[in-house]
Amino acid sequence: MFVFMKTYIALLRGINVSGQKIIKMELLRKVLAELDFVNISTYIQSGNIIFETAIGNSAILEKQISEKIEQHFGFVVPVRMTTLDELKTIVDQNPFVAENLADPTQPYVAFLSGEPAAADLAQLGQIDFQGDRFISKNRVLYLWYARSAADTKLSNAVIEKKLQLSATSRNWKTVLKLIALAQK
């Protein structure tokens, strides 16, 4: 009997940042192997997991991964599932493609837990981010930082508060690398 396996990318929010919620990727791969996942790999320490599974529901996968991390590591980590197709669409729809791309990390992409309400986006747009900009498309925000992501006021915390959604961000270099890894 043939079982169709689909490739997913799980993006974890807020691990291995400033000594908080430390998870070693080698151990995370072992823990996630307890689920119905195969060909599990990770990319850098910020919580990017590529795997295959026959489970076809992103919400179920997010819940399983979050529960497994809480069970094993003792803390809650928001999980945002994405797919190779979604990542390719994100690249294809990049509204900042005409910007100066001297910085390969720009733009950043904030992956949201849902589609933001128009009123919440308008409220976020009222904030003076001192040259930092965002453009919303579906369940992502494209972020362009005038100076640096390290000192922006357009942070995940602000995005989450104003949009009332969970958010985890990745730089452009990481988005492209996740596509390359998922295609292997």
C-alpha atoms as a PDB file:
ATOM      1  CA  MET A   1       0.000   0.000   0.000  1.00  0.00           C
ATOM      2  CA  PHE A   2       1.374   3.410  -1.016  1.00  0.00           C
ATOM      3  CA  VAL A   3       1.210   6.208   1.544  1.00  0.00           C
ATOM      4  CA  PHE A   4       1.513   9.752   0.190  1.00  0.00           C
ATOM      5  CA  MET A   5       4.041  11.757   2.175  1.00  0.00           C
ATOM      6  CA  LYS A   6       3.978  15.539   2.107  1.00  0.00           C
ATOM      7  CA  THR A   7       6.871  17.823   3.002  1.00  0.00           C
ATOM      8  CA  TYR A   8       6.240  20.412   5.714  1.00  0.00           C
ATOM      9  CA  ILE A   9       8.323  23.085   7.343  1.00  0.00           C
ATOM     10  CA  ALA A  10       7.631  23.853  11.000  1.00  0.00           C
ATOM     11  CA  LEU A  11       8.696  27.296  12.217  1.00  0.00           C
ATOM     12  CA  LEU A  12       9.107  27.543  15.977  1.00  0.00           C
ATOM     13  CA  ARG A  13       8.582  30.880  17.734  1.00  0.00           C
ATOM     14  CA  GLY A  14      11.036  32.183  20.299  1.00  0.00           C
ATOM     15  CA  ILE A  15      13.468  29.349  20.946  1.00  0.00           C
ATOM     16  CA  ASN A  16      17.209  29.742  21.542  1.00  0.00           C
ATOM     17  CA  VAL A  17      16.899  33.529  21.819  1.00  0.00           C
ATOM     18  CA  SER A  18      18.821  35.349  24.582  1.00  0.00           C
ATOM     19  CA  GLY A  19      19.250  32.150  26.572  1.00  0.00           C
ATOM     20  CA  GLN A  20      15.491  31.496  26.631  1.00  0.00           C
ATOM     21  CA  LYS A  21      13.725  28.243  25.744  1.00  0.00           C
ATOM     22  CA  ILE A  22      16.913  26.407  24.788  1.00  0.00           C
ATOM     23  CA  ILE A  23      16.408  23.428  22.487  1.00  0.00           C
ATOM     24  CA  LYS A  24      19.295  21.611  20.844  1.00  0.00           C
ATOM     25  CA  MET A  25      18.342  20.708  17.279  1.00  0.00           C
ATOM     26  CA  GLU A  26      19.800  17.195  17.500  1.00  0.00           C
ATOM     27  CA  LEU A  27      17.587  16.423  20.488  1.00  0.00           C
ATOM     28  CA  LEU A  28      14.583  18.085  18.832  1.00  0.00           C
ATOM     29  CA  ARG A  29      14.959  15.802  15.791  1.00  0.00           C
ATOM     30  CA  LYS A  30      14.999  12.758  18.089  1.00  0.00           C
ATOM     31  CA  VAL A  31      11.920  13.955  19.990  1.00  0.00           C
ATOM     32  CA  LEU A  32       9.970  14.658  16.792  1.00  0.00           C
ATOM     33  CA  ALA A  33      10.884  11.217  15.440  1.00  0.00           C
ATOM     34  CA  GLU A  34       8.443   9.898  18.074  1.00  0.00           C
ATOM     35  CA  LEU A  35       5.667  11.408  15.927  1.00  0.00           C
ATOM     36  CA  ASP A  36       4.680  10.079  12.502  1.00  0.00           C
ATOM     37  CA  PHE A  37       7.412  12.111  10.786  1.00  0.00           C
ATOM     38  CA  VAL A  38      10.255  10.924   8.559  1.00  0.00           C
ATOM     39  CA  ASN A  39      13.285  12.534   6.945  1.00  0.00           C
ATOM     40  CA  ILE A  40      13.464  15.098   9.750  1.00  0.00           C
ATOM     41  CA  SER A  41      16.088  17.801   9.370  1.00  0.00           C
ATOM     42  CA  THR A  42      16.653  21.186  10.965  1.00  0.00           C
ATOM     43  CA  TYR A  43      18.210  24.401   9.764  1.00  0.00           C
ATOM     44  CA  ILE A  44      20.095  26.681  12.169  1.00  0.00           C
ATOM     45  CA  GLN A  45      19.216  26.992  15.847  1.00  0.00           C
ATOM     46  CA  SER A  46      16.134  29.216  15.499  1.00  0.00           C
ATOM     47  CA  GLY A  47      13.693  26.347  15.056  1.00  0.00           C
ATOM     48  CA  ASN A  48      13.242  25.481  11.384  1.00  0.00           C
ATOM     49  CA  ILE A  49      12.227  21.855  10.937  1.00  0.00           C
ATOM     50  CA  ILE A  50      11.723  20.124   7.605  1.00  0.00           C
ATOM     51  CA  PHE A  51      10.008  16.732   7.607  1.00  0.00           C
ATOM     52  CA  GLU A  52       7.649  14.451   5.722  1.00  0.00           C
ATOM     53  CA  THR A  53       4.424  12.963   7.005  1.00  0.00           C
ATOM     54  CA  ALA A  54       1.228  11.401   5.751  1.00  0.00           C
ATOM     55  CA  ILE A  55      -0.748  13.692   8.062  1.00  0.00           C
ATOM     56  CA  GLY A  56      -2.366  16.265   5.808  1.00  0.00           C
ATOM     57  CA  ASN A  57      -3.655  18.792   8.326  1.00  0.00           C
ATOM     58  CA  SER A  58      -1.383  21.697   9.356  1.00  0.00           C
ATOM     59  CA  ALA A  59      -3.401  22.484  12.480  1.00  0.00           C
ATOM     60  CA  ILE A  60      -2.995  18.917  13.740  1.00  0.00           C
ATOM     61  CA  LEU A  61       0.742  19.035  13.015  1.00  0.00           C
ATOM     62  CA  GLU A  62       1.156  22.365  14.838  1.00  0.00           C
ATOM     63  CA  LYS A  63      -0.649  20.948  17.872  1.00  0.00           C
ATOM     64  CA  GLN A  64       1.346  17.691  17.853  1.00  0.00           C
ATOM     65  CA  ILE A  65       4.696  19.480  17.632  1.00  0.00           C
ATOM     66  CA  SER A  66       3.785  22.068  20.276  1.00  0.00           C
ATOM     67  CA  GLU A  67       2.522  19.373  22.674  1.00  0.00           C
ATOM     68  CA  LYS A  68       5.593  17.178  22.094  1.00  0.00           C
ATOM     69  CA  ILE A  69       7.931  20.118  22.820  1.00  0.00           C
ATOM     70  CA  GLU A  70       6.015  21.038  25.968  1.00  0.00           C
ATOM     71  CA  GLN A  71       5.986  17.411  27.112  1.00  0.00           C
ATOM     72  CA  HIS A  72       9.705  16.907  26.528  1.00  0.00           C
ATOM     73  CA  PHE A  73      11.237  20.351  27.190  1.00  0.00           C
ATOM     74  CA  GLY A  74       8.704  21.777  29.672  1.00  0.00           C
ATOM     75  CA  PHE A  75       7.689  24.978  27.911  1.00  0.00           C
ATOM     76  CA  VAL A  76       5.150  26.080  25.318  1.00  0.00           C
ATOM     77  CA  VAL A  77       6.404  27.043  21.864  1.00  0.00           C
ATOM     78  CA  PRO A  78       4.069  28.420  19.200  1.00  0.00           C
ATOM     79  CA  VAL A  79       4.447  26.526  15.919  1.00  0.00           C
ATOM     80  CA  ARG A  80       3.584  27.816  12.441  1.00  0.00           C
ATOM     81  CA  MET A  81       3.411  25.199   9.704  1.00  0.00           C
ATOM     82  CA  THR A  82       4.227  26.050   6.129  1.00  0.00           C
ATOM     83  CA  THR A  83       4.830  24.129   2.933  1.00  0.00           C
ATOM     84  CA  LEU A  84       7.233  24.301   0.027  1.00  0.00           C
ATOM     85  CA  ASP A  85       4.431  25.687  -2.154  1.00  0.00           C
ATOM     86  CA  GLU A  86       3.637  28.447   0.352  1.00  0.00           C
ATOM     87  CA  LEU A  87       7.309  29.413   0.612  1.00  0.00           C
ATOM     88  CA  LYS A  88       7.600  29.569  -3.170  1.00  0.00           C
ATOM     89  CA  THR A  89       4.495  31.776  -3.312  1.00  0.00           C
ATOM     90  CA  ILE A  90       5.996  34.047  -0.660  1.00  0.00           C
ATOM     91  CA  VAL A  91       9.112  34.442  -2.808  1.00  0.00           C
ATOM     92  CA  ASP A  92       7.081  35.005  -5.982  1.00  0.00           C
ATOM     93  CA  GLN A  93       4.916  37.666  -4.311  1.00  0.00           C
ATOM     94  CA  ASN A  94       7.786  39.579  -2.664  1.00  0.00           C
ATOM     95  CA  PRO A  95       6.630  43.218  -2.821  1.00  0.00           C
ATOM     96  CA  PHE A  96      10.138  44.456  -2.039  1.00  0.00           C
ATOM     97  CA  VAL A  97      11.760  42.839  -5.079  1.00  0.00           C
ATOM     98  CA  ALA A  98      12.680  46.268  -6.518  1.00  0.00           C
ATOM     99  CA  GLU A  99      14.460  47.372  -3.329  1.00  0.00           C
ATOM    100  CA  ASN A 100      18.217  47.494  -3.003  1.00  0.00           C
ATOM    101  CA  LEU A 101      19.086  43.876  -2.310  1.00  0.00           C
ATOM    102  CA  ALA A 102      22.619  44.509  -1.081  1.00  0.00           C
ATOM    103  CA  ASP A 103      21.518  42.894   2.193  1.00  0.00           C
ATOM    104  CA  PRO A 104      20.629  39.241   1.443  1.00  0.00           C
ATOM    105  CA  THR A 105      18.672  38.979   4.691  1.00  0.00           C
ATOM    106  CA  GLN A 106      16.050  41.514   3.523  1.00  0.00           C
ATOM    107  CA  PRO A 107      13.135  41.426   3.441  1.00  0.00           C
ATOM    108  CA  TYR A 108      12.138  39.538   6.522  1.00  0.00           C
ATOM    109  CA  VAL A 109       8.921  37.530   6.578  1.00  0.00           C
ATOM    110  CA  ALA A 110       6.661  37.365   9.621  1.00  0.00           C
ATOM    111  CA  PHE A 111       4.657  34.141   9.426  1.00  0.00           C
ATOM    112  CA  LEU A 112       1.296  34.727  11.111  1.00  0.00           C
ATOM    113  CA  SER A 113      -1.015  32.210  12.785  1.00  0.00           C
ATOM    114  CA  GLY A 114      -3.938  33.530  10.731  1.00  0.00           C
ATOM    115  CA  GLU A 115      -4.953  36.208   8.290  1.00  0.00           C
ATOM    116  CA  PRO A 116      -4.987  39.618   9.997  1.00  0.00           C
ATOM    117  CA  ALA A 117      -8.154  41.686  10.194  1.00  0.00           C
ATOM    118  CA  ALA A 118      -8.140  44.894   8.135  1.00  0.00           C
ATOM    119  CA  ALA A 119      -8.818  47.021  11.223  1.00  0.00           C
ATOM    120  CA  ASP A 120      -5.860  45.470  13.069  1.00  0.00           C
ATOM    121  CA  LEU A 121      -3.576  46.058  10.073  1.00  0.00           C
ATOM    122  CA  ALA A 122      -4.709  49.676   9.951  1.00  0.00           C
ATOM    123  CA  GLN A 123      -3.893  50.057  13.638  1.00  0.00           C
ATOM    124  CA  LEU A 124      -0.419  48.571  13.085  1.00  0.00           C
ATOM    125  CA  GLY A 125       0.058  50.954  10.162  1.00  0.00           C
ATOM    126  CA  GLN A 126      -0.544  53.973  12.432  1.00  0.00           C
ATOM    127  CA  ILE A 127       2.664  53.333  14.365  1.00  0.00           C
ATOM    128  CA  ASP A 128       5.793  55.294  13.424  1.00  0.00           C
ATOM    129  CA  PHE A 129       8.361  52.576  12.782  1.00  0.00           C
ATOM    130  CA  GLN A 130      11.032  55.126  11.814  1.00  0.00           C
ATOM    131  CA  GLY A 131      11.486  53.962   8.225  1.00  0.00           C
ATOM    132  CA  ASP A 132      10.746  50.287   8.807  1.00  0.00           C
ATOM    133  CA  ARG A 133       7.892  49.078   6.620  1.00  0.00           C
ATOM    134  CA  PHE A 134       5.549  46.120   6.278  1.00  0.00           C
ATOM    135  CA  ILE A 135       3.235  44.799   3.597  1.00  0.00           C
ATOM    136  CA  SER A 136       0.587  42.209   4.394  1.00  0.00           C
ATOM    137  CA  LYS A 137      -0.249  39.320   2.051  1.00  0.00           C
ATOM    138  CA  ASN A 138      -2.448  36.475   3.235  1.00  0.00           C
ATOM    139  CA  ARG A 139      -0.878  34.984   6.373  1.00  0.00           C
ATOM    140  CA  VAL A 140       2.470  36.787   6.171  1.00  0.00           C
ATOM    141  CA  LEU A 141       3.909  40.238   6.632  1.00  0.00           C
ATOM    142  CA  TYR A 142       6.854  41.227   4.474  1.00  0.00           C
ATOM    143  CA  LEU A 143       9.136  43.405   6.612  1.00  0.00           C
ATOM    144  CA  TRP A 144      11.746  45.878   5.398  1.00  0.00           C
ATOM    145  CA  TYR A 145      14.070  47.341   8.012  1.00  0.00           C
ATOM    146  CA  ALA A 146      15.634  50.742   7.360  1.00  0.00           C
ATOM    147  CA  ARG A 147      18.517  49.983   9.706  1.00  0.00           C
ATOM    148  CA  SER A 148      18.438  46.539  11.266  1.00  0.00           C
ATOM    149  CA  ALA A 149      16.104  43.892  12.583  1.00  0.00           C
ATOM    150  CA  ALA A 150      17.967  44.020  15.896  1.00  0.00           C
ATOM    151  CA  ASP A 151      16.794  47.521  16.801  1.00  0.00           C
ATOM    152  CA  THR A 152      13.406  47.771  15.117  1.00  0.00           C
ATOM    153  CA  LYS A 153      10.159  48.739  16.792  1.00  0.00           C
ATOM    154  CA  LEU A 154       8.432  46.512  14.202  1.00  0.00           C
ATOM    155  CA  SER A 155       9.065  43.415  16.316  1.00  0.00           C
ATOM    156  CA  ASN A 156       7.183  40.142  16.658  1.00  0.00           C
ATOM    157  CA  ALA A 157       5.858  41.329  20.029  1.00  0.00           C
ATOM    158  CA  VAL A 158       4.346  44.489  18.514  1.00  0.00           C
ATOM    159  CA  ILE A 159       3.005  42.584  15.503  1.00  0.00           C
ATOM    160  CA  GLU A 160       1.369  40.005  17.777  1.00  0.00           C
ATOM    161  CA  LYS A 161      -0.146  42.603  20.084  1.00  0.00           C
ATOM    162  CA  LYS A 162      -1.614  44.743  17.295  1.00  0.00           C
ATOM    163  CA  LEU A 163      -2.749  41.922  14.997  1.00  0.00           C
ATOM    164  CA  GLN A 164      -3.875  39.607  17.816  1.00  0.00           C
ATOM    165  CA  LEU A 165      -2.061  36.734  16.099  1.00  0.00           C
ATOM    166  CA  SER A 166       1.052  34.706  16.807  1.00  0.00           C
ATOM    167  CA  ALA A 167       4.045  35.628  14.625  1.00  0.00           C
ATOM    168  CA  THR A 168       7.489  34.212  13.949  1.00  0.00           C
ATOM    169  CA  SER A 169       9.907  35.920  11.573  1.00  0.00           C
ATOM    170  CA  ARG A 170      12.614  34.679   9.249  1.00  0.00           C
ATOM    171  CA  ASN A 171      15.041  36.617   7.120  1.00  0.00           C
ATOM    172  CA  TRP A 172      15.063  36.255   3.342  1.00  0.00           C
ATOM    173  CA  LYS A 173      18.237  34.172   3.301  1.00  0.00           C
ATOM    174  CA  THR A 174      16.561  31.663   5.637  1.00  0.00           C
ATOM    175  CA  VAL A 175      13.368  31.548   3.542  1.00  0.00           C
ATOM    176  CA  LEU A 176      15.418  30.749   0.429  1.00  0.00           C
ATOM    177  CA  LYS A 177      17.483  28.126   2.267  1.00  0.00           C
ATOM    178  CA  LEU A 178      14.317  26.419   3.580  1.00  0.00           C
ATOM    179  CA  ILE A 179      13.033  26.159   0.004  1.00  0.00           C
ATOM    180  CA  ALA A 180      16.314  24.604  -1.134  1.00  0.00           C
ATOM    181  CA  LEU A 181      16.319  22.111   1.744  1.00  0.00           C
ATOM    182  CA  ALA A 182      12.647  21.169   1.270  1.00  0.00           C
ATOM    183  CA  GLN A 183      13.254  20.477  -2.422  1.00  0.00           C
ATOM    184  CA  LYS A 184      15.926  17.859  -1.683  1.00  0.00           C
END
